[in-house]
N, C-alpha and C. Protein backbone atom coordinates (compact mmCIF):
# COMPACT_ATOMS: atom_id res chain seq x y z
N MET A 1 115.09 51.30 52.04
CA MET A 1 115.22 53.16 52.49
C MET A 1 116.76 52.74 52.46
N SER A 2 117.33 53.92 52.01
CA SER A 2 119.06 54.24 51.35
C SER A 2 119.55 54.90 52.74
N LEU A 3 120.84 54.83 53.08
CA LEU A 3 121.75 55.23 54.17
C LEU A 3 121.30 56.79 53.91
N ASP A 4 121.08 57.77 53.45
CA ASP A 4 120.75 59.02 52.92
C ASP A 4 119.36 59.19 53.70
N GLU A 5 118.47 59.08 53.71
CA GLU A 5 117.26 58.35 54.23
C GLU A 5 116.58 58.10 55.49
N ILE A 6 117.70 56.96 55.60
CA ILE A 6 117.59 56.55 57.17
C ILE A 6 118.18 57.98 58.04
N SER A 7 119.27 58.82 57.72
CA SER A 7 119.87 59.85 58.54
C SER A 7 118.93 60.54 58.40
N GLN A 8 118.48 60.81 57.56
CA GLN A 8 117.19 62.25 57.65
C GLN A 8 116.26 62.12 58.69
N ARG A 9 115.52 60.47 58.50
CA ARG A 9 114.41 60.07 59.48
C ARG A 9 114.69 60.33 61.23
N ALA A 10 115.78 59.90 61.29
CA ALA A 10 116.33 59.78 62.54
C ALA A 10 117.10 60.97 63.14
N CYS A 11 117.01 62.39 61.73
CA CYS A 11 117.35 63.47 62.77
C CYS A 11 116.19 64.34 62.57
N ILE A 12 114.60 63.59 61.65
CA ILE A 12 113.29 64.49 62.08
C ILE A 12 113.46 63.81 63.33
N VAL A 13 113.00 62.66 63.54
CA VAL A 13 112.81 62.03 64.65
C VAL A 13 113.40 62.76 66.04
N GLY A 14 114.53 63.17 65.76
CA GLY A 14 115.21 63.37 66.97
C GLY A 14 114.54 65.28 67.25
N ILE A 15 115.11 65.75 66.65
CA ILE A 15 113.60 67.23 65.91
C ILE A 15 112.40 67.14 67.13
N ILE A 16 111.47 66.21 66.88
CA ILE A 16 110.79 65.90 66.88
C ILE A 16 110.85 65.24 68.37
N ARG A 17 111.24 64.50 69.09
CA ARG A 17 111.57 64.69 70.31
C ARG A 17 111.89 66.34 71.35
N GLU A 18 112.88 67.01 70.20
CA GLU A 18 112.89 67.96 71.07
C GLU A 18 111.79 68.63 71.49
N LYS A 19 111.17 68.78 70.35
CA LYS A 19 109.86 69.41 69.99
C LYS A 19 109.08 69.53 70.98
N THR A 20 108.52 67.84 71.11
CA THR A 20 107.80 67.31 72.11
C THR A 20 108.00 67.66 73.57
N VAL A 21 109.35 67.77 74.05
CA VAL A 21 110.10 68.12 75.25
C VAL A 21 109.63 69.30 75.65
N ILE A 22 109.40 70.44 74.37
CA ILE A 22 109.59 72.10 74.78
C ILE A 22 107.69 71.57 74.51
N LEU A 23 106.92 71.16 74.05
CA LEU A 23 105.21 70.93 74.52
C LEU A 23 105.15 70.53 75.36
N THR A 24 105.61 69.42 76.75
CA THR A 24 105.37 69.03 77.95
C THR A 24 105.36 69.72 78.85
N ARG A 25 106.97 70.64 78.62
CA ARG A 25 107.00 71.13 79.67
C ARG A 25 106.28 71.78 80.64
N GLN A 26 106.60 71.64 81.74
CA GLN A 26 105.45 72.37 82.74
C GLN A 26 105.99 73.26 83.55
N ALA A 27 105.68 74.19 84.19
CA ALA A 27 106.16 74.97 84.54
C ALA A 27 106.92 74.60 86.39
N PRO A 28 108.39 75.06 86.69
CA PRO A 28 109.09 74.32 87.73
C PRO A 28 107.94 73.90 89.06
N GLU A 29 107.49 75.16 89.66
CA GLU A 29 106.17 74.46 90.92
C GLU A 29 104.96 73.91 90.53
N ARG A 30 104.77 73.12 89.22
CA ARG A 30 103.80 72.18 88.97
C ARG A 30 104.19 71.26 89.55
N SER A 31 105.68 71.05 89.66
CA SER A 31 105.69 69.23 89.66
C SER A 31 106.28 69.45 90.97
N LEU A 32 106.07 70.14 92.03
CA LEU A 32 105.83 70.24 93.30
C LEU A 32 104.70 70.09 93.56
N PRO A 33 104.26 68.78 95.06
CA PRO A 33 102.93 68.60 95.61
C PRO A 33 102.16 70.12 95.78
N PRO A 34 101.04 69.87 95.81
CA PRO A 34 100.19 71.06 96.06
C PRO A 34 100.49 71.33 97.38
N LEU A 35 100.14 72.35 97.84
CA LEU A 35 100.66 72.53 98.87
C LEU A 35 99.27 72.15 99.89
N ASN A 36 99.88 71.84 101.33
CA ASN A 36 98.80 70.88 102.18
C ASN A 36 98.37 71.98 103.45
N ARG A 37 96.92 72.62 103.57
CA ARG A 37 96.72 73.82 104.35
C ARG A 37 96.56 72.68 105.75
N THR A 38 95.99 71.69 106.16
CA THR A 38 95.98 71.25 106.97
C THR A 38 97.72 71.15 107.67
N HIS A 39 98.48 71.07 106.91
CA HIS A 39 99.67 70.54 107.66
C HIS A 39 100.85 72.00 107.50
N SER A 40 99.68 72.57 106.98
CA SER A 40 100.61 73.59 106.83
C SER A 40 100.56 74.18 108.35
N LEU A 41 99.23 74.25 108.34
CA LEU A 41 98.67 75.16 109.62
C LEU A 41 98.92 74.63 111.22
N THR A 42 99.13 73.51 111.18
CA THR A 42 99.67 72.46 112.02
C THR A 42 100.72 73.34 112.69
N GLN A 43 101.57 73.17 111.03
CA GLN A 43 102.77 73.37 111.78
C GLN A 43 103.47 74.67 112.31
N TRP A 44 102.83 75.70 111.60
CA TRP A 44 103.14 76.63 111.97
C TRP A 44 102.49 77.48 113.36
N THR A 45 101.35 76.68 113.77
CA THR A 45 100.65 76.74 114.90
C THR A 45 101.73 76.47 116.16
N HIS A 46 102.01 75.15 115.62
CA HIS A 46 103.02 74.25 116.35
C HIS A 46 104.28 75.07 116.91
N GLU A 47 104.63 75.52 115.58
CA GLU A 47 105.95 76.36 115.63
C GLU A 47 105.85 77.67 116.86
N LEU A 48 104.62 78.89 116.81
CA LEU A 48 104.73 79.58 117.17
C LEU A 48 104.48 79.44 118.39
N ARG A 49 103.75 78.36 118.91
CA ARG A 49 103.82 77.65 120.48
C ARG A 49 104.51 78.62 121.40
N GLY A 50 105.32 78.65 120.96
CA GLY A 50 106.85 78.84 122.67
C GLY A 50 106.48 80.64 122.37
N TYR A 51 106.46 81.24 120.59
CA TYR A 51 106.93 82.37 121.28
C TYR A 51 105.38 82.66 121.50
N GLN A 52 104.38 82.66 121.20
CA GLN A 52 103.35 82.99 122.24
C GLN A 52 103.28 83.12 123.92
N LYS A 53 104.39 82.39 124.07
CA LYS A 53 104.30 81.37 125.71
C LYS A 53 105.19 82.76 126.25
N GLN A 54 105.97 83.16 125.15
CA GLN A 54 107.39 84.28 125.55
C GLN A 54 106.71 85.11 125.57
N LEU A 55 105.68 85.90 124.75
CA LEU A 55 104.56 87.08 124.57
C LEU A 55 103.65 86.78 125.59
N ARG A 56 103.26 86.09 126.17
CA ARG A 56 102.08 86.13 127.48
C ARG A 56 102.64 86.59 128.46
N TRP A 57 104.37 86.11 128.92
CA TRP A 57 105.14 86.06 130.13
C TRP A 57 105.59 87.37 129.77
N CYS A 58 105.90 87.48 128.82
CA CYS A 58 106.53 89.19 129.11
C CYS A 58 105.08 90.17 129.31
N ARG A 59 104.21 89.95 128.86
CA ARG A 59 103.17 90.84 129.09
C ARG A 59 102.67 90.97 130.57
N LYS A 60 102.91 90.18 131.15
CA LYS A 60 102.33 89.43 132.56
C LYS A 60 103.54 90.24 133.25
N ARG A 61 104.56 89.89 133.14
CA ARG A 61 105.40 91.11 133.57
C ARG A 61 105.27 92.36 133.81
N TYR A 62 105.24 93.25 132.22
CA TYR A 62 105.15 94.50 132.67
C TYR A 62 103.48 94.83 132.91
N SER A 63 102.31 93.99 133.53
CA SER A 63 101.27 94.53 133.71
C SER A 63 101.60 94.16 135.21
N THR A 64 101.95 93.04 135.93
CA THR A 64 102.19 93.08 137.30
C THR A 64 103.34 94.66 137.48
N ALA A 65 104.26 94.92 136.66
CA ALA A 65 105.14 96.25 136.98
C ALA A 65 104.15 97.75 137.40
N LYS A 66 103.60 96.88 136.46
CA LYS A 66 102.67 98.62 135.83
C LYS A 66 101.46 98.61 136.99
N LYS A 67 101.18 97.59 137.83
CA LYS A 67 100.30 97.71 139.20
C LYS A 67 100.86 98.01 140.37
N GLU A 68 101.95 97.37 140.26
CA GLU A 68 102.96 98.18 141.75
C GLU A 68 103.37 99.83 141.10
N TRP A 69 103.57 100.29 140.00
CA TRP A 69 103.66 101.00 140.09
C TRP A 69 103.29 101.84 140.83
N GLN A 70 101.42 101.75 140.11
CA GLN A 70 100.31 102.44 140.09
C GLN A 70 99.35 102.31 141.81
N LYS A 71 99.92 101.10 141.98
CA LYS A 71 100.04 101.27 143.93
C LYS A 71 100.62 101.72 144.86
N ALA A 72 101.84 102.00 144.33
CA ALA A 72 102.82 103.18 145.00
C ALA A 72 102.43 104.36 144.60
N GLN A 73 101.85 104.88 143.53
CA GLN A 73 101.21 106.10 143.09
C GLN A 73 100.24 106.38 143.96
N ALA A 74 99.82 105.48 144.80
CA ALA A 74 98.27 106.15 145.31
C ALA A 74 98.97 106.65 146.32
N SER A 75 100.01 105.78 147.05
CA SER A 75 100.40 106.02 148.77
C SER A 75 101.10 107.26 148.68
N TRP A 76 100.78 108.53 148.95
CA TRP A 76 101.66 109.55 149.51
C TRP A 76 103.10 109.28 149.96
N TRP A 77 102.87 108.88 151.37
CA TRP A 77 104.16 108.34 151.61
C TRP A 77 105.54 107.73 150.88
N ARG A 78 105.06 106.78 150.16
CA ARG A 78 105.69 105.64 148.35
C ARG A 78 105.68 106.99 147.58
N ARG A 79 105.49 108.27 147.89
CA ARG A 79 105.87 108.90 146.33
C ARG A 79 107.09 109.65 147.18
N LEU A 80 106.79 110.20 148.79
CA LEU A 80 108.00 110.89 149.08
C LEU A 80 108.89 110.10 149.15
N SER A 81 108.92 108.86 149.48
CA SER A 81 109.74 107.87 150.25
C SER A 81 111.21 107.54 148.52
N GLY A 82 110.08 107.92 147.41
CA GLY A 82 110.54 107.21 145.96
C GLY A 82 110.69 106.02 145.46
N ILE A 83 109.55 105.75 146.00
CA ILE A 83 109.45 103.92 145.48
C ILE A 83 108.57 103.92 144.21
N SER A 84 107.74 104.96 144.62
CA SER A 84 106.59 104.82 143.10
C SER A 84 107.72 105.39 141.87
N ARG A 85 109.12 106.05 142.17
CA ARG A 85 110.24 106.85 141.32
C ARG A 85 110.20 104.85 140.75
N ARG A 86 110.90 104.67 141.88
CA ARG A 86 111.54 103.48 141.63
C ARG A 86 110.93 102.38 140.29
N ARG A 87 109.53 102.14 141.60
CA ARG A 87 108.64 101.39 140.20
C ARG A 87 107.71 102.13 139.00
N LYS A 88 108.50 102.95 138.45
CA LYS A 88 107.92 103.72 137.97
C LYS A 88 109.16 102.94 136.61
N GLN A 89 110.49 103.00 137.24
CA GLN A 89 112.07 102.65 136.20
C GLN A 89 111.67 101.25 135.81
N VAL A 90 110.79 100.56 137.27
CA VAL A 90 111.06 99.05 136.32
C VAL A 90 109.96 98.48 135.70
N MET A 91 108.66 99.52 135.41
CA MET A 91 107.70 99.26 134.54
C MET A 91 107.92 100.02 133.33
N GLU A 92 108.68 100.84 133.33
CA GLU A 92 109.14 101.85 131.91
C GLU A 92 110.10 100.49 131.24
N GLU A 93 111.37 100.13 131.76
CA GLU A 93 111.76 98.75 131.55
C GLU A 93 111.10 97.64 130.92
N LYS A 94 110.55 97.17 131.70
CA LYS A 94 109.32 95.92 131.45
C LYS A 94 108.48 96.38 130.33
N PHE A 95 108.12 97.05 130.03
CA PHE A 95 107.82 97.96 129.15
C PHE A 95 108.26 98.02 127.55
N LEU A 96 109.66 98.44 127.19
CA LEU A 96 110.73 98.38 126.61
C LEU A 96 111.32 96.99 126.16
N HIS A 97 111.15 96.56 127.36
CA HIS A 97 111.11 95.03 127.34
C HIS A 97 109.96 94.17 125.87
N LEU A 98 108.79 94.61 126.70
CA LEU A 98 107.76 93.96 125.93
C LEU A 98 107.49 94.65 124.59
N LEU A 99 108.29 95.49 124.36
CA LEU A 99 108.20 96.15 122.90
C LEU A 99 109.01 94.63 122.19
N ASP A 100 110.86 94.86 122.57
CA ASP A 100 111.09 94.40 122.35
C ASP A 100 111.16 92.53 121.86
N MET A 101 110.22 92.16 122.65
CA MET A 101 109.76 91.02 122.97
C MET A 101 108.81 90.86 121.46
N ILE A 102 107.92 91.73 121.33
CA ILE A 102 107.24 91.94 120.50
C ILE A 102 107.41 91.95 118.94
N ARG A 103 108.73 92.99 119.05
CA ARG A 103 109.24 92.73 117.82
C ARG A 103 110.02 91.37 117.14
N TYR A 104 110.53 91.06 117.96
CA TYR A 104 110.63 89.67 118.31
C TYR A 104 110.12 88.34 117.47
N VAL A 105 108.92 88.34 118.53
CA VAL A 105 107.68 87.44 118.10
C VAL A 105 106.58 87.41 116.74
N VAL A 106 106.79 89.15 116.44
CA VAL A 106 106.59 89.47 114.53
C VAL A 106 107.47 88.93 113.90
N GLN A 107 108.88 89.23 114.02
CA GLN A 107 109.58 88.89 113.15
C GLN A 107 109.31 87.58 113.17
N ALA A 108 109.43 86.35 113.60
CA ALA A 108 109.26 85.10 114.28
C ALA A 108 108.31 84.63 113.57
N LEU A 109 106.69 85.17 112.98
CA LEU A 109 105.78 85.08 112.87
C LEU A 109 106.28 85.08 111.25
N LEU A 110 106.60 86.13 110.92
CA LEU A 110 107.12 86.38 109.72
C LEU A 110 107.83 85.41 109.09
N HIS A 111 109.16 84.88 109.54
CA HIS A 111 110.07 83.93 109.17
C HIS A 111 109.58 82.37 109.10
N ILE A 112 108.91 82.37 110.03
CA ILE A 112 108.14 80.44 109.62
C ILE A 112 107.47 80.92 108.80
N THR A 113 106.38 81.99 108.49
CA THR A 113 105.04 81.58 107.89
C THR A 113 106.04 82.05 106.33
N GLY A 114 107.15 82.73 105.69
CA GLY A 114 108.21 82.51 104.32
C GLY A 114 107.77 84.54 104.47
N LEU A 115 107.41 85.27 105.31
CA LEU A 115 107.28 86.41 104.22
C LEU A 115 108.53 87.23 104.85
N ARG A 116 109.47 86.44 105.74
CA ARG A 116 110.83 86.66 106.23
C ARG A 116 112.17 85.98 106.27
N ALA A 117 113.24 86.12 105.51
CA ALA A 117 113.68 85.47 104.73
C ALA A 117 114.85 84.68 105.87
N ILE A 118 115.41 85.84 106.81
CA ILE A 118 116.22 85.30 107.74
C ILE A 118 115.24 85.28 109.06
N PRO A 119 116.15 84.59 109.92
CA PRO A 119 115.21 84.27 111.67
C PRO A 119 115.11 85.42 112.06
N PRO A 120 114.82 85.57 113.31
CA PRO A 120 114.50 86.95 113.78
C PRO A 120 116.05 87.25 114.98
N GLU A 121 115.88 88.82 114.14
CA GLU A 121 116.74 89.23 115.43
C GLU A 121 116.75 88.95 117.38
N PRO A 122 118.08 88.47 117.94
CA PRO A 122 117.49 88.35 119.44
C PRO A 122 116.96 89.07 119.99
N LEU A 123 116.43 88.86 121.26
CA LEU A 123 115.79 89.89 121.86
C LEU A 123 117.34 90.40 122.74
N ARG A 124 117.14 91.75 122.93
CA ARG A 124 118.49 92.55 123.46
C ARG A 124 118.08 92.52 124.81
N THR A 125 119.72 92.49 125.60
CA THR A 125 119.49 92.52 127.32
C THR A 125 119.27 94.40 127.85
N ILE A 126 120.11 95.10 127.08
CA ILE A 126 120.19 96.35 127.75
C ILE A 126 119.39 96.84 126.41
N LEU A 127 118.26 97.77 126.86
CA LEU A 127 117.75 98.55 126.07
C LEU A 127 117.78 99.84 126.47
N THR A 128 117.80 101.01 125.51
CA THR A 128 117.19 102.24 126.44
C THR A 128 116.62 102.74 126.24
N PRO A 129 115.72 104.52 126.22
CA PRO A 129 115.20 104.84 126.03
C PRO A 129 115.17 105.43 125.00
N GLN A 130 116.31 105.47 124.06
CA GLN A 130 116.33 105.50 122.52
C GLN A 130 115.66 104.78 121.79
N ASP A 131 115.81 103.38 121.80
CA ASP A 131 114.90 102.35 121.46
C ASP A 131 113.88 102.49 120.83
N LYS A 132 113.53 102.68 122.20
CA LYS A 132 111.68 103.00 122.26
C LYS A 132 111.09 103.50 121.14
N PRO A 133 111.37 104.80 120.35
CA PRO A 133 110.47 105.26 118.92
C PRO A 133 110.83 104.27 118.11
N ALA A 134 111.66 103.30 118.10
CA ALA A 134 111.96 102.66 116.90
C ALA A 134 110.92 101.60 117.40
N LEU A 135 111.28 100.80 118.05
CA LEU A 135 110.38 99.47 118.77
C LEU A 135 108.97 100.10 117.84
N GLU A 136 108.49 101.18 118.59
CA GLU A 136 106.69 101.70 118.41
C GLU A 136 107.07 101.71 116.77
N ARG A 137 107.42 102.03 116.27
CA ARG A 137 107.57 102.53 114.75
C ARG A 137 107.29 100.64 113.85
N PHE A 138 108.12 99.91 114.39
CA PHE A 138 107.79 98.63 114.04
C PHE A 138 106.63 97.78 114.24
N ILE A 139 106.20 98.55 115.74
CA ILE A 139 104.85 97.55 116.29
C ILE A 139 103.83 98.48 115.40
N LYS A 140 103.85 100.03 114.17
CA LYS A 140 102.60 100.05 113.96
C LYS A 140 102.60 99.56 113.04
N GLU A 141 103.58 99.60 112.51
CA GLU A 141 104.03 98.90 110.91
C GLU A 141 103.28 97.11 111.13
N TYR A 142 103.71 96.38 112.26
CA TYR A 142 103.10 95.14 111.63
C TYR A 142 102.23 95.16 113.02
N ASP A 143 100.92 96.21 112.94
CA ASP A 143 99.77 95.82 114.17
C ASP A 143 98.83 94.64 113.84
N ASP A 144 99.12 94.32 112.39
CA ASP A 144 97.94 92.86 112.24
C ASP A 144 99.02 91.95 112.98
N GLU A 145 99.62 91.52 112.64
CA GLU A 145 100.91 90.63 112.90
C GLU A 145 100.93 90.39 114.56
N PHE A 146 100.95 91.19 115.42
CA PHE A 146 101.04 91.60 116.14
C PHE A 146 99.51 91.36 117.46
N THR A 147 98.79 91.90 116.56
CA THR A 147 97.18 91.48 117.25
C THR A 147 97.08 90.08 117.15
N ALA A 148 97.79 89.34 115.70
CA ALA A 148 97.45 87.85 115.21
C ALA A 148 97.80 87.14 116.59
N MET A 149 99.48 87.30 117.04
CA MET A 149 100.63 86.77 117.83
C MET A 149 99.70 86.81 119.33
N ALA A 150 98.89 88.09 119.62
CA ALA A 150 98.74 87.98 120.57
C ALA A 150 97.49 87.45 120.93
N GLN A 151 96.69 87.18 120.13
CA GLN A 151 95.30 86.50 120.58
C GLN A 151 94.78 85.28 119.17
N PRO A 152 94.83 84.03 119.90
CA PRO A 152 95.07 82.98 119.34
C PRO A 152 93.78 82.63 118.30
N ALA A 153 92.76 82.62 118.40
CA ALA A 153 91.36 83.31 116.87
C ALA A 153 91.93 83.92 115.67
N LYS A 154 92.59 85.40 116.61
CA LYS A 154 93.32 86.38 115.31
C LYS A 154 94.11 85.40 114.23
N LEU A 155 94.66 84.54 115.19
CA LEU A 155 96.02 84.10 114.78
C LEU A 155 95.66 82.93 113.46
N SER A 156 95.08 82.09 114.04
CA SER A 156 93.83 81.14 112.83
C SER A 156 93.66 82.00 111.74
N LEU A 157 93.09 83.25 112.23
CA LEU A 157 92.35 83.50 110.88
C LEU A 157 93.60 84.42 109.99
N TRP A 158 94.38 84.91 110.66
CA TRP A 158 95.82 85.33 110.16
C TRP A 158 96.85 84.68 109.41
N LEU A 159 96.31 83.16 109.91
CA LEU A 159 97.47 82.09 109.05
C LEU A 159 97.03 81.54 107.98
N ASN A 160 95.22 81.24 108.05
CA ASN A 160 94.05 80.92 107.14
C ASN A 160 94.67 82.05 105.88
N GLN A 161 94.60 83.24 105.85
CA GLN A 161 94.63 84.72 105.01
C GLN A 161 95.59 84.11 104.54
N ARG A 162 96.90 83.97 105.38
CA ARG A 162 98.65 83.71 104.41
C ARG A 162 98.71 82.63 103.67
N PHE A 163 97.79 81.27 104.31
CA PHE A 163 98.30 79.92 103.29
C PHE A 163 97.35 80.32 102.25
N ASP A 164 96.45 81.11 101.73
CA ASP A 164 95.48 81.27 100.90
C ASP A 164 96.38 82.63 100.12
N ARG A 165 97.27 83.57 100.05
CA ARG A 165 97.87 84.28 99.61
C ARG A 165 98.97 83.32 99.15
N MET A 166 99.35 82.39 99.67
CA MET A 166 100.87 81.12 99.01
C MET A 166 100.20 80.52 98.24
N VAL A 167 98.77 80.31 97.82
CA VAL A 167 98.40 79.27 97.03
C VAL A 167 98.17 80.41 96.03
N ARG A 168 97.47 81.73 96.10
CA ARG A 168 97.35 82.37 94.89
C ARG A 168 98.42 82.93 94.28
N ALA A 169 99.04 83.20 94.94
CA ALA A 169 100.71 83.65 94.58
C ALA A 169 101.60 82.58 93.66
N ARG A 170 101.27 81.22 94.68
CA ARG A 170 101.82 80.02 93.95
C ARG A 170 101.22 79.56 92.20
N ASP A 171 99.72 80.02 92.22
CA ASP A 171 98.73 79.39 91.47
C ASP A 171 99.12 80.45 89.83
N GLU A 172 99.98 81.89 90.81
CA GLU A 172 100.12 82.79 89.54
C GLU A 172 101.19 82.95 88.98
N ARG A 173 102.57 82.55 89.76
CA ARG A 173 103.30 82.24 89.08
C ARG A 173 103.51 81.48 88.25
N ILE A 174 102.77 80.14 88.16
CA ILE A 174 102.47 78.82 87.25
C ILE A 174 102.39 80.04 86.24
N ARG A 175 101.18 80.78 86.48
CA ARG A 175 99.99 80.87 84.92
C ARG A 175 101.16 81.69 83.96
N ARG A 176 101.83 82.68 85.33
CA ARG A 176 102.71 83.80 84.72
C ARG A 176 103.94 82.65 83.01
N TRP A 177 104.50 81.73 83.77
CA TRP A 177 105.20 81.13 83.73
C TRP A 177 104.48 80.46 81.71
N ASN A 178 103.81 79.83 82.24
CA ASN A 178 102.50 79.27 81.34
C ASN A 178 102.47 80.41 80.30
N LYS A 179 102.07 81.62 80.33
CA LYS A 179 102.26 82.43 79.41
C LYS A 179 103.43 83.19 78.75
N VAL A 180 104.23 83.24 79.57
CA VAL A 180 106.02 83.40 79.09
C VAL A 180 106.04 82.48 77.69
N HIS A 181 106.17 80.61 78.16
CA HIS A 181 106.36 80.03 77.15
C HIS A 181 105.34 79.38 76.44
N GLN A 182 104.15 80.34 76.34
CA GLN A 182 103.48 79.35 75.32
C GLN A 182 103.82 79.76 74.08
N PRO A 183 104.43 80.71 73.09
CA PRO A 183 104.53 81.23 72.03
C PRO A 183 105.84 80.37 71.55
N GLU A 184 106.57 79.95 72.38
CA GLU A 184 107.67 78.87 72.24
C GLU A 184 106.34 77.71 72.06
N LYS A 185 106.02 76.82 73.09
CA LYS A 185 105.05 76.06 72.71
C LYS A 185 104.46 75.54 71.98
N GLU A 186 103.56 76.86 71.12
CA GLU A 186 102.77 76.68 69.63
C GLU A 186 103.94 76.46 68.55
N GLN A 187 104.94 77.41 68.95
CA GLN A 187 106.42 77.22 67.91
C GLN A 187 106.19 76.15 67.73
N ALA A 188 106.95 75.18 68.58
CA ALA A 188 107.40 73.25 68.59
C ALA A 188 106.10 73.14 67.58
N GLY A 189 105.00 72.80 67.96
CA GLY A 189 103.89 72.27 67.28
C GLY A 189 103.59 72.58 65.99
N ARG A 190 104.03 73.92 65.71
CA ARG A 190 104.35 73.84 64.43
C ARG A 190 105.19 73.22 64.03
N GLU A 191 106.32 73.55 64.25
CA GLU A 191 107.33 72.75 63.63
C GLU A 191 106.88 71.49 63.75
N ILE A 192 106.22 70.40 64.49
CA ILE A 192 106.22 68.98 64.23
C ILE A 192 104.85 68.93 63.43
N THR A 193 104.06 69.72 63.56
CA THR A 193 103.55 69.52 62.02
C THR A 193 103.75 69.54 61.24
């Protein structure tokens, strides 16, 4: 073979190698290991356990304050002496703290499961009645997540559904990547041939 033929052959082999790389290229997520349901659900449940305890503790404090107010409301002497009014103020304060705790716990759930990029905003120490409508709107908007955090059986179901959505989304991204790059792969195959 002449020097010119050797140079052309090397050039063709290099082009074939480049086109083979294009043909064998996979979606970036395909190289990652598949999601492990058991591991993910166990990790999420473990991370959420502390938040659930905080939520139960805050709910218990509100419930106790509400019972004390109702007891004070039942007695005419306590109503006259102002104890009922003070108990009502304590109950409303505990209710605002419960609403803020629900917001915090739901944001933590969303962050842990990957639906929220930033960690939850910290709990506020001072809450005013003006904060109540915004907190109630938040709870109404994320009612499913709050219900899941409040009840362990529903949390398990919610986490399973979230995991299934993650797997479907990953498969869809891989499918879209393959669809976008399919013409390029076909072109590379024709050029190799």
